[in-house]
Amino acid sequence: MPMRIEPLPALDADLLWQQAACGLLVTDDAGVITRANSTFARWLGYDQEQLLGRPLHTLLTMAGRIFHQTHWAPLLHVQGSISEVKLELLHSAGQRIPMMLNAIRRQHHGVMIQELSLFVAEDRHRYERELINARLLAEERLEHQLMIEQVLNETQQELREAHAQAERRAELAERMVGIVSHDLRNPLSAIRMAADLLQRNETDERQALERHARMVSHIGNSVDRAQRLITDLLDFTLIQVGRGLPVTLAPLDLHELVANTVEELRLTFPGRELHHERHGAGGFLGDADRLYQLLGNLVANAMAYGDSNGTVTVSTRFDPHSVILSVHNVGEPLPEQAQVHLFEPMTRGHQDDGRHNLGLGLFIVREIARAHQGDVAVISTADMGTTFVVRCPRSPEHGG
């Protein structure tokens, strides 16, 4: 049998108005309070009589007054109602009370009135603050996480690059060990062979002297080859570790320096034609030892890969802004594909002619030229032969 529900006794409308769970106000169309319930008066710390006749905007904060005048009061007049407007009202003691406002504008007995209901929004306000703080914390943590990921990615990239560089250096070291062991073996073997021949007894004193002279010459040439190889290797090591190729610039007579170097190189390459041509005159700031090394590498390259019966020509030339040093030889031209990487380390001119070198000579030439603020280029054709041209400014600003 269904339960019988007794009807509730009639409720007092004025009591409902006074003790409602929200603040209730009535204002005239100008916003002056004409009625306020006890709930609203208690929330703001006033007696109800103190609120009557008081403009509503005087209970708002300064920001609330501006918002009232520019936004929700005009909007209420235009559309007749507003809902869930957030604002702050001032307690009689001065503290701010966050509230939510709903309002209706209507006509009552021929007079326009405004009926407002307000709810304390402290819990909602606290929730919004916590929500904002949580969002800011989440954004901060996300930013921190992204920063960590970026650092991790950068670190991984650095590790990959370091690993690749280590592999390249290990490969380069392995290649260098193989090449150096081969290239040093040649002059050392020649020195040993010459020493063995010098120990032989000769009955003919004249033949013995001639043989001794030839062997001493071979030993000297082999020592020069080994010394060039070791010098290039040391310079290459300095460049690889990032110290650069050191130069000491000083005024010098380039024509005279090259002429003296050519005279010494003629002793290194007996039986080969080596000429020096000079054009123009002028001063030059350079490192004499490095320029001697540069020219020695270029001439050794021309002797090794040019026509063995041809002439190697060294030229020094001054123009208004540059100093030009060139080495020319006749013979088979360099393949175009070989010219692209000719000045890179570990690059050889020929692989199958039995003449080997460490592959650093032309690389060192380029680095010496750059240390003098210049550079080197090659021109190689069947008709004109091969010419290496080093061009530097007449007064380099600084060394490497």
Protein backbone atom coordinates (compact mmCIF):
# COMPACT_ATOMS: atom_id res chain seq x y z
CA MET A 1 0.00 0.00 0.00
CA PRO A 2 1.61 3.34 -1.05
CA MET A 3 2.81 5.64 1.75
CA ARG A 4 0.55 8.60 2.36
CA ILE A 5 2.36 11.96 2.26
CA GLU A 6 0.85 14.73 4.32
CA PRO A 7 0.88 18.15 2.61
CA LEU A 8 3.25 20.73 4.04
CA PRO A 9 1.75 23.75 5.75
CA ALA A 10 1.72 26.94 3.76
CA LEU A 11 5.02 28.89 3.87
CA ASP A 12 5.26 32.59 4.72
CA ALA A 13 6.34 34.40 1.53
CA ASP A 14 8.05 37.19 3.48
CA LEU A 15 9.96 34.63 5.55
CA LEU A 16 11.14 32.94 2.35
CA TRP A 17 12.28 36.32 1.05
CA GLN A 18 14.13 37.29 4.21
CA GLN A 19 15.83 33.95 4.92
CA ALA A 20 16.50 32.79 1.36
CA ALA A 21 19.79 30.95 0.73
CA CYS A 22 20.89 33.82 -1.51
CA GLY A 23 20.99 37.55 -1.29
CA LEU A 24 17.93 39.23 -2.80
CA LEU A 25 17.71 42.86 -3.84
CA VAL A 26 15.27 45.12 -5.58
CA THR A 27 16.46 48.42 -7.07
CA ASP A 28 14.86 51.08 -9.12
CA ASP A 29 15.95 51.52 -12.72
CA ALA A 30 18.78 53.82 -11.60
CA GLY A 31 20.25 51.08 -9.38
CA VAL A 32 19.15 52.52 -5.99
CA ILE A 33 18.28 49.77 -3.50
CA THR A 34 14.60 49.78 -2.48
CA ARG A 35 14.54 46.40 -0.78
CA ALA A 36 17.16 43.94 0.54
CA ASN A 37 16.73 40.66 2.38
CA SER A 38 18.38 39.85 5.68
CA THR A 39 20.68 37.28 4.08
CA PHE A 40 22.29 39.92 1.87
CA ALA A 41 22.48 42.44 4.71
CA ARG A 42 24.11 39.83 7.00
CA TRP A 43 26.68 38.86 4.36
CA LEU A 44 27.79 42.49 3.97
CA GLY A 45 27.59 43.37 7.69
CA TYR A 46 24.80 45.95 7.44
CA ASP A 47 21.35 46.41 8.89
CA GLN A 48 18.67 46.20 6.24
CA GLU A 49 17.68 49.81 6.88
CA GLN A 50 21.26 50.93 6.14
CA LEU A 51 21.00 49.50 2.62
CA LEU A 52 17.71 51.12 1.64
CA GLY A 53 18.16 54.16 -0.60
CA ARG A 54 21.82 53.31 -1.25
CA PRO A 55 23.06 53.05 -4.85
CA LEU A 56 24.15 49.50 -5.52
CA HIS A 57 27.44 50.55 -7.14
CA THR A 58 28.62 52.03 -3.81
CA LEU A 59 28.85 48.47 -2.49
CA LEU A 60 31.21 47.43 -5.29
CA THR A 61 34.98 47.61 -5.54
CA MET A 62 36.47 50.16 -7.90
CA ALA A 63 36.93 47.52 -10.59
CA GLY A 64 33.35 46.35 -9.96
CA ARG A 65 32.01 49.89 -10.38
CA ILE A 66 33.74 50.26 -13.72
CA PHE A 67 32.45 46.86 -14.81
CA HIS A 68 28.94 47.82 -13.65
CA GLN A 69 28.91 51.07 -15.59
CA THR A 70 30.50 49.75 -18.78
CA HIS A 71 29.13 46.23 -19.00
CA TRP A 72 26.44 44.62 -17.00
CA ALA A 73 24.19 47.64 -16.28
CA PRO A 74 23.98 48.58 -20.01
CA LEU A 75 23.57 44.90 -20.90
CA LEU A 76 20.70 44.55 -18.41
CA HIS A 77 18.92 47.51 -19.99
CA VAL A 78 19.39 46.13 -23.50
CA GLN A 79 18.44 42.47 -23.06
CA GLY A 80 16.43 42.61 -19.84
CA SER A 81 18.42 40.03 -17.93
CA ILE A 82 21.93 38.93 -17.07
CA SER A 83 23.23 35.78 -15.43
CA GLU A 84 26.34 34.50 -13.65
CA VAL A 85 28.16 37.82 -13.56
CA LYS A 86 31.14 37.55 -11.25
CA LEU A 87 31.94 40.59 -9.11
CA GLU A 88 33.29 41.58 -5.72
CA LEU A 89 31.29 43.47 -3.09
CA LEU A 90 32.74 45.30 -0.08
CA HIS A 91 31.85 44.20 3.44
CA SER A 92 31.18 46.99 5.92
CA ALA A 93 34.51 46.06 7.55
CA GLY A 94 36.34 46.54 4.25
CA GLN A 95 37.07 42.96 3.11
CA ARG A 96 36.07 41.83 -0.35
CA ILE A 97 33.40 39.19 -0.88
CA PRO A 98 33.33 37.42 -4.27
CA MET A 99 29.75 36.93 -5.53
CA MET A 100 27.81 35.71 -8.56
CA LEU A 101 24.98 37.95 -9.80
CA ASN A 102 21.77 37.20 -11.68
CA ALA A 103 19.36 40.03 -12.52
CA ILE A 104 16.05 40.69 -14.27
CA ARG A 105 14.75 44.08 -15.39
CA ARG A 106 10.95 44.27 -15.59
CA GLN A 107 8.00 46.56 -15.13
CA HIS A 108 6.06 46.46 -11.84
CA HIS A 109 2.88 48.50 -11.53
CA GLY A 110 4.06 50.77 -14.31
CA VAL A 111 7.53 51.28 -12.80
CA MET A 112 10.79 49.66 -14.10
CA ILE A 113 12.57 47.75 -11.38
CA GLN A 114 15.58 45.47 -11.19
CA GLU A 115 15.42 42.21 -9.24
CA LEU A 116 18.82 40.77 -8.30
CA SER A 117 19.90 37.54 -6.67
CA LEU A 118 23.47 37.10 -5.43
CA PHE A 119 25.41 34.04 -4.25
CA VAL A 120 28.61 34.06 -2.28
CA ALA A 121 31.23 32.59 -4.60
CA GLU A 122 34.03 32.03 -2.09
CA ASP A 123 34.14 28.28 -2.72
CA ARG A 124 33.93 28.82 -6.45
CA HIS A 125 36.51 31.56 -6.20
CA ARG A 126 38.81 29.27 -4.25
CA TYR A 127 38.19 26.49 -6.78
CA GLU A 128 39.04 28.83 -9.66
CA ARG A 129 42.23 29.95 -7.91
CA GLU A 130 43.20 26.36 -7.29
CA LEU A 131 42.35 25.53 -10.88
CA ILE A 132 44.52 28.40 -12.12
CA ASN A 133 47.33 27.41 -9.78
CA ALA A 134 47.04 23.81 -10.93
CA ARG A 135 47.14 24.93 -14.55
CA LEU A 136 50.17 27.14 -13.90
CA LEU A 137 51.87 24.27 -12.06
CA ALA A 138 51.04 21.91 -14.93
CA GLU A 139 52.38 24.41 -17.47
CA GLU A 140 55.52 24.89 -15.37
CA ARG A 141 56.05 21.14 -15.11
CA LEU A 142 55.37 20.74 -18.82
CA GLU A 143 57.89 23.48 -19.59
CA HIS A 144 60.38 21.80 -17.25
CA GLN A 145 59.72 18.44 -18.91
CA LEU A 146 60.17 19.95 -22.36
CA MET A 147 63.40 21.57 -21.20
CA ILE A 148 64.62 18.22 -19.87
CA GLU A 149 63.69 16.54 -23.16
CA GLN A 150 65.48 19.28 -25.09
CA VAL A 151 68.61 18.91 -22.95
CA LEU A 152 68.36 15.13 -23.34
CA ASN A 153 68.03 15.44 -27.12
CA GLU A 154 70.94 17.87 -27.28
CA THR A 155 73.04 15.59 -25.09
CA GLN A 156 72.17 12.57 -27.23
CA GLN A 157 73.05 14.54 -30.35
CA GLU A 158 76.37 15.59 -28.81
CA LEU A 159 77.06 11.98 -27.86
CA ARG A 160 76.23 10.83 -31.40
CA GLU A 161 78.50 13.51 -32.85
CA ALA A 162 81.26 12.65 -30.36
CA HIS A 163 80.88 8.96 -31.19
CA ALA A 164 80.99 9.67 -34.92
CA GLN A 165 84.01 11.93 -34.45
CA ALA A 166 85.74 9.27 -32.35
CA GLU A 167 85.05 6.69 -35.06
CA ARG A 168 86.41 9.06 -37.71
CA ARG A 169 89.53 9.71 -35.64
CA ALA A 170 89.98 6.01 -34.96
CA GLU A 171 89.64 5.27 -38.67
CA LEU A 172 92.00 8.11 -39.51
CA ALA A 173 94.51 6.92 -36.92
CA GLU A 174 94.34 3.40 -38.32
CA ARG A 175 94.88 4.67 -41.84
CA MET A 176 97.73 6.92 -40.72
CA VAL A 177 99.47 4.09 -38.90
CA GLY A 178 99.28 1.96 -42.04
CA ILE A 179 100.47 4.73 -44.34
CA VAL A 180 103.22 5.98 -42.05
CA SER A 181 104.53 2.46 -41.52
CA HIS A 182 104.66 2.05 -45.31
CA ASP A 183 105.98 5.50 -46.16
CA LEU A 184 108.71 5.50 -43.54
CA ARG A 185 109.74 2.03 -44.61
CA ASN A 186 110.80 3.31 -48.04
CA PRO A 187 113.41 5.91 -46.95
CA LEU A 188 114.59 3.70 -44.08
CA SER A 189 115.07 0.77 -46.45
CA ALA A 190 117.00 3.03 -48.83
CA ILE A 191 119.22 4.21 -45.97
CA ARG A 192 119.85 0.63 -44.85
CA MET A 193 120.67 -0.48 -48.40
CA ALA A 194 123.06 2.43 -48.89
CA ALA A 195 124.73 1.67 -45.55
CA ASP A 196 125.22 -1.97 -46.59
CA LEU A 197 126.78 -0.92 -49.87
CA LEU A 198 129.12 1.48 -48.06
CA GLN A 199 130.43 -1.43 -46.00
CA ARG A 200 131.56 -3.38 -49.06
CA ASN A 201 135.25 -3.53 -49.80
CA GLU A 202 136.27 -2.18 -53.18
CA THR A 203 139.62 -2.87 -54.75
CA ASP A 204 139.28 0.06 -57.10
CA GLU A 205 139.63 3.19 -54.97
CA ARG A 206 138.09 5.44 -57.64
CA GLN A 207 134.97 3.30 -57.96
CA ALA A 208 134.71 3.14 -54.18
CA LEU A 209 134.73 6.94 -53.90
CA GLU A 210 132.10 7.28 -56.62
CA ARG A 211 129.90 4.69 -54.98
CA HIS A 212 130.35 6.33 -51.59
CA ALA A 213 129.31 9.69 -53.02
CA ARG A 214 126.20 8.17 -54.60
CA MET A 215 125.26 6.34 -51.40
CA VAL A 216 125.73 9.45 -49.26
CA SER A 217 123.48 11.33 -51.69
CA HIS A 218 120.83 8.58 -51.46
CA ILE A 219 121.03 8.64 -47.67
CA GLY A 220 120.59 12.42 -47.64
CA ASN A 221 117.59 12.23 -49.97
CA SER A 222 115.99 9.49 -47.87
CA VAL A 223 116.52 11.46 -44.67
CA ASP A 224 114.90 14.51 -46.32
CA ARG A 225 111.89 12.41 -47.35
CA ALA A 226 111.50 11.00 -43.84
CA GLN A 227 111.90 14.46 -42.31
CA ARG A 228 109.20 15.94 -44.59
CA LEU A 229 106.89 13.07 -43.69
CA ILE A 230 107.40 13.56 -39.93
CA THR A 231 107.03 17.36 -40.19
CA ASP A 232 103.75 17.04 -42.12
CA LEU A 233 102.49 14.50 -39.63
CA LEU A 234 103.24 16.77 -36.65
CA ASP A 235 101.58 19.74 -38.32
CA PHE A 236 98.54 17.64 -39.19
CA THR A 237 98.26 16.54 -35.57
CA LEU A 238 98.34 20.18 -34.37
CA ILE A 239 95.53 21.06 -36.77
CA GLN A 240 93.44 18.02 -35.78
CA VAL A 241 93.56 18.86 -32.07
CA GLY A 242 92.39 22.40 -32.83
CA ARG A 243 95.60 24.32 -32.10
CA GLY A 244 95.97 25.48 -35.68
CA LEU A 245 99.13 25.88 -37.69
CA PRO A 246 101.42 28.39 -35.91
CA VAL A 247 103.16 31.05 -38.00
CA THR A 248 105.44 33.93 -37.08
CA LEU A 249 105.13 36.78 -39.55
CA ALA A 250 108.08 39.02 -40.29
CA PRO A 251 109.20 41.21 -43.24
CA LEU A 252 111.13 39.17 -45.79
CA ASP A 253 112.39 39.20 -49.38
CA LEU A 254 110.20 36.57 -51.01
CA HIS A 255 112.26 36.38 -54.22
CA GLU A 256 115.45 35.77 -52.25
CA LEU A 257 113.80 33.25 -49.92
CA VAL A 258 112.44 31.21 -52.83
CA ALA A 259 115.75 31.42 -54.71
CA ASN A 260 117.64 30.00 -51.71
CA THR A 261 115.00 27.29 -51.24
CA VAL A 262 115.23 26.28 -54.91
CA GLU A 263 119.03 25.97 -54.59
CA GLU A 264 118.61 23.56 -51.67
CA LEU A 265 115.90 21.60 -53.48
CA ARG A 266 118.20 21.11 -56.49
CA LEU A 267 120.50 19.15 -54.17
CA THR A 268 117.52 17.08 -52.99
CA PHE A 269 116.50 16.23 -56.57
CA PRO A 270 119.78 15.77 -58.49
CA GLY A 271 119.41 15.21 -62.20
CA ARG A 272 116.08 17.10 -62.39
CA GLU A 273 115.58 20.52 -63.98
CA LEU A 274 114.35 23.10 -61.44
CA HIS A 275 114.08 26.78 -62.43
CA HIS A 276 113.02 29.92 -60.61
CA GLU A 277 111.35 32.92 -62.27
CA ARG A 278 110.68 36.23 -60.50
CA HIS A 279 108.39 39.11 -61.52
CA GLY A 280 107.86 42.47 -59.83
CA ALA A 281 109.08 43.48 -56.42
CA GLY A 282 107.75 44.50 -53.06
CA GLY A 283 107.65 43.72 -49.38
CA PHE A 284 105.89 40.77 -47.82
CA LEU A 285 105.09 39.65 -44.27
CA GLY A 286 105.53 35.92 -43.95
CA ASP A 287 106.94 33.02 -41.99
CA ALA A 288 110.18 32.01 -43.74
CA ASP A 289 110.24 28.47 -42.32
CA ARG A 290 106.63 27.80 -43.23
CA LEU A 291 107.09 29.18 -46.77
CA TYR A 292 110.16 26.94 -47.15
CA GLN A 293 107.99 24.00 -46.06
CA LEU A 294 105.20 25.01 -48.47
CA LEU A 295 107.55 25.29 -51.43
CA GLY A 296 109.29 22.02 -50.51
CA ASN A 297 105.98 20.16 -50.50
CA LEU A 298 104.90 21.64 -53.84
CA VAL A 299 108.23 20.88 -55.52
CA ALA A 300 108.32 17.34 -54.07
CA ASN A 301 104.79 16.81 -55.42
CA ALA A 302 105.79 18.11 -58.87
CA MET A 303 108.88 15.88 -58.93
CA ALA A 304 106.89 12.82 -57.85
CA TYR A 305 103.95 13.17 -60.24
CA GLY A 306 105.30 15.23 -63.14
CA ASP A 307 107.26 14.06 -66.18
CA SER A 308 110.63 12.77 -64.92
CA ASN A 309 112.32 14.39 -67.94
CA GLY A 310 110.42 17.65 -67.68
CA THR A 311 111.33 20.93 -66.03
CA VAL A 312 109.74 22.12 -62.79
CA THR A 313 109.34 25.89 -62.74
CA VAL A 314 108.90 27.92 -59.57
CA SER A 315 107.58 31.46 -60.02
CA THR A 316 107.23 34.35 -57.57
CA ARG A 317 105.21 37.37 -58.66
CA PHE A 318 104.03 40.62 -57.06
CA ASP A 319 100.93 42.47 -58.22
CA PRO A 320 99.44 45.59 -56.59
CA HIS A 321 97.54 43.64 -53.92
CA SER A 322 98.82 40.06 -53.91
CA VAL A 323 101.87 37.87 -53.73
CA ILE A 324 101.71 34.82 -56.00
CA LEU A 325 103.90 31.74 -55.71
CA SER A 326 103.39 28.99 -58.29
CA VAL A 327 104.97 25.63 -59.11
CA HIS A 328 104.52 24.18 -62.60
CA ASN A 329 105.36 20.79 -64.04
CA VAL A 330 104.62 19.06 -67.31
CA GLY A 331 103.16 15.60 -67.54
CA GLU A 332 99.91 13.75 -67.26
CA PRO A 333 97.14 16.08 -65.96
CA LEU A 334 95.28 15.42 -62.75
CA PRO A 335 91.81 13.84 -63.19
CA GLU A 336 89.03 16.35 -62.57
CA GLN A 337 87.47 14.21 -59.83
CA ALA A 338 90.83 14.05 -58.03
CA GLN A 339 91.17 17.86 -58.08
CA VAL A 340 88.03 18.29 -55.94
CA HIS A 341 89.59 16.67 -52.86
CA LEU A 342 93.23 17.24 -53.69
CA PHE A 343 93.92 19.47 -50.69
CA GLU A 344 92.14 17.27 -48.16
CA PRO A 345 94.25 15.12 -45.80
CA MET A 346 94.94 11.49 -46.64
CA THR A 347 94.54 12.15 -50.38
CA ARG A 348 97.14 10.78 -52.79
CA GLY A 349 97.88 11.84 -56.31
CA HIS A 350 98.25 8.32 -57.69
CA GLN A 351 97.57 4.96 -56.13
CA ASP A 352 99.03 2.55 -58.64
CA ASP A 353 102.38 4.00 -59.73
CA GLY A 354 104.40 2.75 -56.80
CA ARG A 355 105.13 6.28 -55.50
CA HIS A 356 103.46 6.84 -52.17
CA ASN A 357 103.33 9.63 -49.62
CA LEU A 358 101.29 10.27 -46.49
CA GLY A 359 98.78 12.36 -48.42
CA LEU A 360 99.32 15.37 -46.16
CA GLY A 361 101.70 17.50 -48.24
CA LEU A 362 99.09 19.46 -50.19
CA PHE A 363 96.85 19.71 -47.13
CA ILE A 364 99.74 21.33 -45.23
CA VAL A 365 100.34 23.65 -48.21
CA ARG A 366 96.73 24.84 -48.01
CA GLU A 367 96.93 25.38 -44.24
CA ILE A 368 100.17 27.39 -44.55
CA ALA A 369 98.57 29.54 -47.26
CA ARG A 370 95.51 30.13 -45.09
CA ALA A 371 97.71 31.01 -42.12
CA HIS A 372 99.02 33.82 -44.37
CA GLN A 373 95.40 34.84 -45.16
CA GLY A 374 95.71 33.26 -48.62
CA ASP A 375 94.75 30.05 -50.40
CA VAL A 376 95.97 27.59 -53.00
CA ALA A 377 94.46 26.36 -56.26
CA VAL A 378 95.46 23.97 -59.01
CA ILE A 379 95.21 24.22 -62.81
CA SER A 380 95.87 20.96 -64.67
CA THR A 381 95.41 20.29 -68.40
CA ALA A 382 97.04 18.03 -70.94
CA ASP A 383 98.37 21.01 -72.95
CA MET A 384 99.57 23.26 -70.12
CA GLY A 385 100.60 20.69 -67.52
CA THR A 386 99.91 21.18 -63.81
CA THR A 387 100.34 24.43 -61.89
CA PHE A 388 99.76 24.96 -58.19
CA VAL A 389 99.12 28.64 -57.42
CA VAL A 390 99.39 30.10 -53.91
CA ARG A 391 97.97 33.63 -53.63
CA CYS A 392 98.31 35.74 -50.46
CA PRO A 393 97.70 39.41 -49.65
CA ARG A 394 100.91 41.42 -49.55
CA SER A 395 100.37 42.27 -45.86
CA PRO A 396 98.47 39.52 -44.00
CA GLU A 397 96.58 40.91 -41.00
CA HIS A 398 97.45 38.06 -38.70
CA GLY A 399 98.81 34.54 -38.61
CA GLY A 400 97.14 31.23 -37.82
